[in-house]
Amino acid sequence: MRDPKPSLKELQERRRSPRFDCHGPVEFQIQNWYLRKGRILNLCLDGCLIQPRESMDSSEGAGYLIGDQIEMRFEVNRLSFRVHSIVRQVRPSGHLGVEILCLSNRSRTQLRLLMDELRAATKPGAPPSRS
């Protein structure tokens, strides 16, 4: 019988595009409820990891569920994005793994350019990012 929880390596192999560490502010609304704030911890073409400002242990932060729909605005390296997404993972730390479901063609192009920039910044001797 297979272990129901995939390992980190299995999760990475299932990703369609590589993730890059980055930082930037995020505002998001789950299922059209209250506006929440936090920050982006990593990003790829298909999703990101969010650290909500509030703790999952507080009554205000409790209740994030896998499958929750999110409207999200975030900024990385001075580029702003607005996306429709879905919660795919809720970590014990309170971090949310989010998959991007809907992104305009223009934003998708900008996100690809940002990924190229983040990829270049991870190489030795690369100039520092603008974030």
C-alpha atoms as a PDB file:
ATOM      1  CA  MET A   1       0.000   0.000   0.000  1.00  0.00           C
ATOM      2  CA  ARG A   2       1.307   3.465  -0.928  1.00  0.00           C
ATOM      3  CA  ASP A   3       1.853   6.174   1.697  1.00  0.00           C
ATOM      4  CA  PRO A   4      -0.984   8.745   1.223  1.00  0.00           C
ATOM      5  CA  LYS A   5       1.322  11.697   1.960  1.00  0.00           C
ATOM      6  CA  PRO A   6       3.749  12.309  -0.927  1.00  0.00           C
ATOM      7  CA  SER A   7       7.348  13.134  -0.106  1.00  0.00           C
ATOM      8  CA  LEU A   8       8.869  16.527  -0.933  1.00  0.00           C
ATOM      9  CA  LYS A   9      10.712  14.918  -3.848  1.00  0.00           C
ATOM     10  CA  GLU A  10       7.446  13.489  -5.228  1.00  0.00           C
ATOM     11  CA  LEU A  11       5.779  16.891  -4.914  1.00  0.00           C
ATOM     12  CA  GLN A  12       8.647  18.583  -6.751  1.00  0.00           C
ATOM     13  CA  GLU A  13       8.501  15.987  -9.534  1.00  0.00           C
ATOM     14  CA  ARG A  14       4.760  16.657 -10.000  1.00  0.00           C
ATOM     15  CA  ARG A  15       5.299  20.385 -10.482  1.00  0.00           C
ATOM     16  CA  ARG A  16       4.961  21.563 -14.055  1.00  0.00           C
ATOM     17  CA  SER A  17       7.408  24.434 -13.595  1.00  0.00           C
ATOM     18  CA  PRO A  18      10.235  25.204 -11.150  1.00  0.00           C
ATOM     19  CA  ARG A  19       9.641  27.370  -8.082  1.00  0.00           C
ATOM     20  CA  PHE A  20      11.874  30.248  -7.094  1.00  0.00           C
ATOM     21  CA  ASP A  21      12.281  31.894  -3.715  1.00  0.00           C
ATOM     22  CA  CYS A  22      11.064  35.473  -3.792  1.00  0.00           C
ATOM     23  CA  HIS A  23       9.380  37.971  -1.523  1.00  0.00           C
ATOM     24  CA  GLY A  24       6.600  40.446  -1.943  1.00  0.00           C
ATOM     25  CA  PRO A  25       3.338  41.608  -0.423  1.00  0.00           C
ATOM     26  CA  VAL A  26       0.095  39.767  -1.106  1.00  0.00           C
ATOM     27  CA  GLU A  27      -3.544  40.642  -0.452  1.00  0.00           C
ATOM     28  CA  PHE A  28      -6.108  37.900  -0.856  1.00  0.00           C
ATOM     29  CA  GLN A  29      -9.759  37.136  -0.313  1.00  0.00           C
ATOM     30  CA  ILE A  30     -10.971  33.599   0.245  1.00  0.00           C
ATOM     31  CA  GLN A  31     -14.449  32.880  -1.128  1.00  0.00           C
ATOM     32  CA  ASN A  32     -15.213  36.651  -1.161  1.00  0.00           C
ATOM     33  CA  TRP A  33     -14.767  36.974   2.609  1.00  0.00           C
ATOM     34  CA  TYR A  34     -12.468  39.338   4.477  1.00  0.00           C
ATOM     35  CA  LEU A  35      -9.384  40.775   2.837  1.00  0.00           C
ATOM     36  CA  ARG A  36      -6.225  39.134   4.196  1.00  0.00           C
ATOM     37  CA  LYS A  37      -2.606  40.211   3.878  1.00  0.00           C
ATOM     38  CA  GLY A  38       0.653  38.343   3.883  1.00  0.00           C
ATOM     39  CA  ARG A  39       3.677  37.739   1.731  1.00  0.00           C
ATOM     40  CA  ILE A  40       4.797  35.512  -1.110  1.00  0.00           C
ATOM     41  CA  LEU A  41       7.588  33.088  -0.157  1.00  0.00           C
ATOM     42  CA  ASN A  42       8.081  31.366  -3.507  1.00  0.00           C
ATOM     43  CA  LEU A  43       6.556  31.478  -6.954  1.00  0.00           C
ATOM     44  CA  CYS A  44       6.283  29.506 -10.187  1.00  0.00           C
ATOM     45  CA  LEU A  45       4.171  29.772 -13.340  1.00  0.00           C
ATOM     46  CA  ASP A  46       1.489  27.607 -11.775  1.00  0.00           C
ATOM     47  CA  GLY A  47       1.328  28.765  -8.163  1.00  0.00           C
ATOM     48  CA  CYS A  48       2.956  30.150  -5.060  1.00  0.00           C
ATOM     49  CA  LEU A  49       3.461  29.746  -1.344  1.00  0.00           C
ATOM     50  CA  ILE A  50       1.799  32.395   0.831  1.00  0.00           C
ATOM     51  CA  GLN A  51       2.572  33.269   4.420  1.00  0.00           C
ATOM     52  CA  PRO A  52      -0.612  34.889   5.796  1.00  0.00           C
ATOM     53  CA  ARG A  53       0.010  37.686   8.285  1.00  0.00           C
ATOM     54  CA  GLU A  54      -2.197  36.118  10.943  1.00  0.00           C
ATOM     55  CA  SER A  55      -1.324  32.846  12.636  1.00  0.00           C
ATOM     56  CA  MET A  56      -3.289  29.711  11.858  1.00  0.00           C
ATOM     57  CA  ASP A  57      -3.649  29.247  15.622  1.00  0.00           C
ATOM     58  CA  SER A  58      -5.615  32.472  16.065  1.00  0.00           C
ATOM     59  CA  SER A  59      -9.371  32.461  15.648  1.00  0.00           C
ATOM     60  CA  GLU A  60      -9.006  35.069  12.894  1.00  0.00           C
ATOM     61  CA  GLY A  61      -6.597  32.943  10.863  1.00  0.00           C
ATOM     62  CA  ALA A  62      -8.218  29.561  11.367  1.00  0.00           C
ATOM     63  CA  GLY A  63     -10.332  27.970   8.722  1.00  0.00           C
ATOM     64  CA  TYR A  64      -8.257  27.892   5.540  1.00  0.00           C
ATOM     65  CA  LEU A  65      -9.274  24.769   3.661  1.00  0.00           C
ATOM     66  CA  ILE A  66      -7.922  22.885   0.677  1.00  0.00           C
ATOM     67  CA  GLY A  67     -10.167  23.807  -2.228  1.00  0.00           C
ATOM     68  CA  ASP A  68     -10.904  27.367  -1.064  1.00  0.00           C
ATOM     69  CA  GLN A  69     -11.074  29.781  -4.014  1.00  0.00           C
ATOM     70  CA  ILE A  70      -8.834  32.844  -3.677  1.00  0.00           C
ATOM     71  CA  GLU A  71      -8.764  36.206  -5.423  1.00  0.00           C
ATOM     72  CA  MET A  72      -5.227  37.452  -4.943  1.00  0.00           C
ATOM     73  CA  ARG A  73      -3.077  40.490  -5.720  1.00  0.00           C
ATOM     74  CA  PHE A  74       0.669  40.245  -5.219  1.00  0.00           C
ATOM     75  CA  GLU A  75       3.851  42.060  -6.127  1.00  0.00           C
ATOM     76  CA  VAL A  76       7.316  40.643  -6.785  1.00  0.00           C
ATOM     77  CA  ASN A  77      10.253  42.654  -8.165  1.00  0.00           C
ATOM     78  CA  ARG A  78       7.958  45.668  -8.694  1.00  0.00           C
ATOM     79  CA  LEU A  79       5.610  43.686 -10.938  1.00  0.00           C
ATOM     80  CA  SER A  80       1.985  43.405  -9.796  1.00  0.00           C
ATOM     81  CA  PHE A  81      -0.316  40.492 -10.552  1.00  0.00           C
ATOM     82  CA  ARG A  82      -3.989  39.776  -9.971  1.00  0.00           C
ATOM     83  CA  VAL A  83      -4.964  36.109 -10.143  1.00  0.00           C
ATOM     84  CA  HIS A  84      -7.783  33.716  -9.369  1.00  0.00           C
ATOM     85  CA  SER A  85      -6.424  30.679  -7.555  1.00  0.00           C
ATOM     86  CA  ILE A  86      -7.230  27.731  -5.304  1.00  0.00           C
ATOM     87  CA  VAL A  87      -5.713  26.490  -2.034  1.00  0.00           C
ATOM     88  CA  ARG A  88      -3.975  23.163  -2.700  1.00  0.00           C
ATOM     89  CA  GLN A  89      -2.088  22.833   0.592  1.00  0.00           C
ATOM     90  CA  VAL A  90      -2.471  24.159   4.138  1.00  0.00           C
ATOM     91  CA  ARG A  91       0.721  23.623   6.116  1.00  0.00           C
ATOM     92  CA  PRO A  92       0.899  23.284   9.919  1.00  0.00           C
ATOM     93  CA  SER A  93       2.923  26.534   9.878  1.00  0.00           C
ATOM     94  CA  GLY A  94      -0.108  28.313   8.413  1.00  0.00           C
ATOM     95  CA  HIS A  95       1.475  28.730   4.977  1.00  0.00           C
ATOM     96  CA  LEU A  96      -0.835  28.217   2.006  1.00  0.00           C
ATOM     97  CA  GLY A  97       0.198  26.407  -1.166  1.00  0.00           C
ATOM     98  CA  VAL A  98      -1.849  27.986  -3.934  1.00  0.00           C
ATOM     99  CA  GLU A  99      -2.408  26.998  -7.578  1.00  0.00           C
ATOM    100  CA  ILE A 100      -3.064  29.773 -10.092  1.00  0.00           C
ATOM    101  CA  LEU A 101      -6.244  28.996 -12.028  1.00  0.00           C
ATOM    102  CA  CYS A 102      -6.886  32.141 -14.036  1.00  0.00           C
ATOM    103  CA  LEU A 103      -4.447  34.785 -15.214  1.00  0.00           C
ATOM    104  CA  SER A 104      -4.790  37.226 -18.120  1.00  0.00           C
ATOM    105  CA  ASN A 105      -2.586  36.651 -21.169  1.00  0.00           C
ATOM    106  CA  ARG A 106      -0.690  39.854 -20.433  1.00  0.00           C
ATOM    107  CA  SER A 107      -0.085  38.837 -16.809  1.00  0.00           C
ATOM    108  CA  ARG A 108       0.969  35.329 -17.918  1.00  0.00           C
ATOM    109  CA  THR A 109       3.590  36.911 -20.206  1.00  0.00           C
ATOM    110  CA  GLN A 110       4.799  39.156 -17.365  1.00  0.00           C
ATOM    111  CA  LEU A 111       4.945  36.166 -15.022  1.00  0.00           C
ATOM    112  CA  ARG A 112       7.082  34.234 -17.524  1.00  0.00           C
ATOM    113  CA  LEU A 113       9.468  37.191 -17.756  1.00  0.00           C
ATOM    114  CA  LEU A 114       9.606  37.370 -13.958  1.00  0.00           C
ATOM    115  CA  MET A 115      10.402  33.636 -13.789  1.00  0.00           C
ATOM    116  CA  ASP A 116      13.281  34.197 -16.242  1.00  0.00           C
ATOM    117  CA  GLU A 117      14.523  37.045 -14.044  1.00  0.00           C
ATOM    118  CA  LEU A 118      14.309  34.931 -10.868  1.00  0.00           C
ATOM    119  CA  ARG A 119      16.026  32.008 -12.628  1.00  0.00           C
ATOM    120  CA  ALA A 120      18.878  34.287 -13.728  1.00  0.00           C
ATOM    121  CA  ALA A 121      19.194  35.690 -10.196  1.00  0.00           C
ATOM    122  CA  THR A 122      19.791  32.178  -8.802  1.00  0.00           C
ATOM    123  CA  LYS A 123      22.883  31.689 -10.986  1.00  0.00           C
ATOM    124  CA  PRO A 124      26.335  32.533  -9.559  1.00  0.00           C
ATOM    125  CA  GLY A 125      27.438  36.074 -10.336  1.00  0.00           C
ATOM    126  CA  ALA A 126      23.929  37.265 -11.172  1.00  0.00           C
ATOM    127  CA  PRO A 127      22.955  40.843 -10.300  1.00  0.00           C
ATOM    128  CA  PRO A 128      20.701  41.242  -7.235  1.00  0.00           C
ATOM    129  CA  SER A 129      16.938  41.258  -7.786  1.00  0.00           C
ATOM    130  CA  ARG A 130      14.945  44.502  -7.624  1.00  0.00           C
ATOM    131  CA  SER A 131      12.643  43.350  -4.806  1.00  0.00           C
END
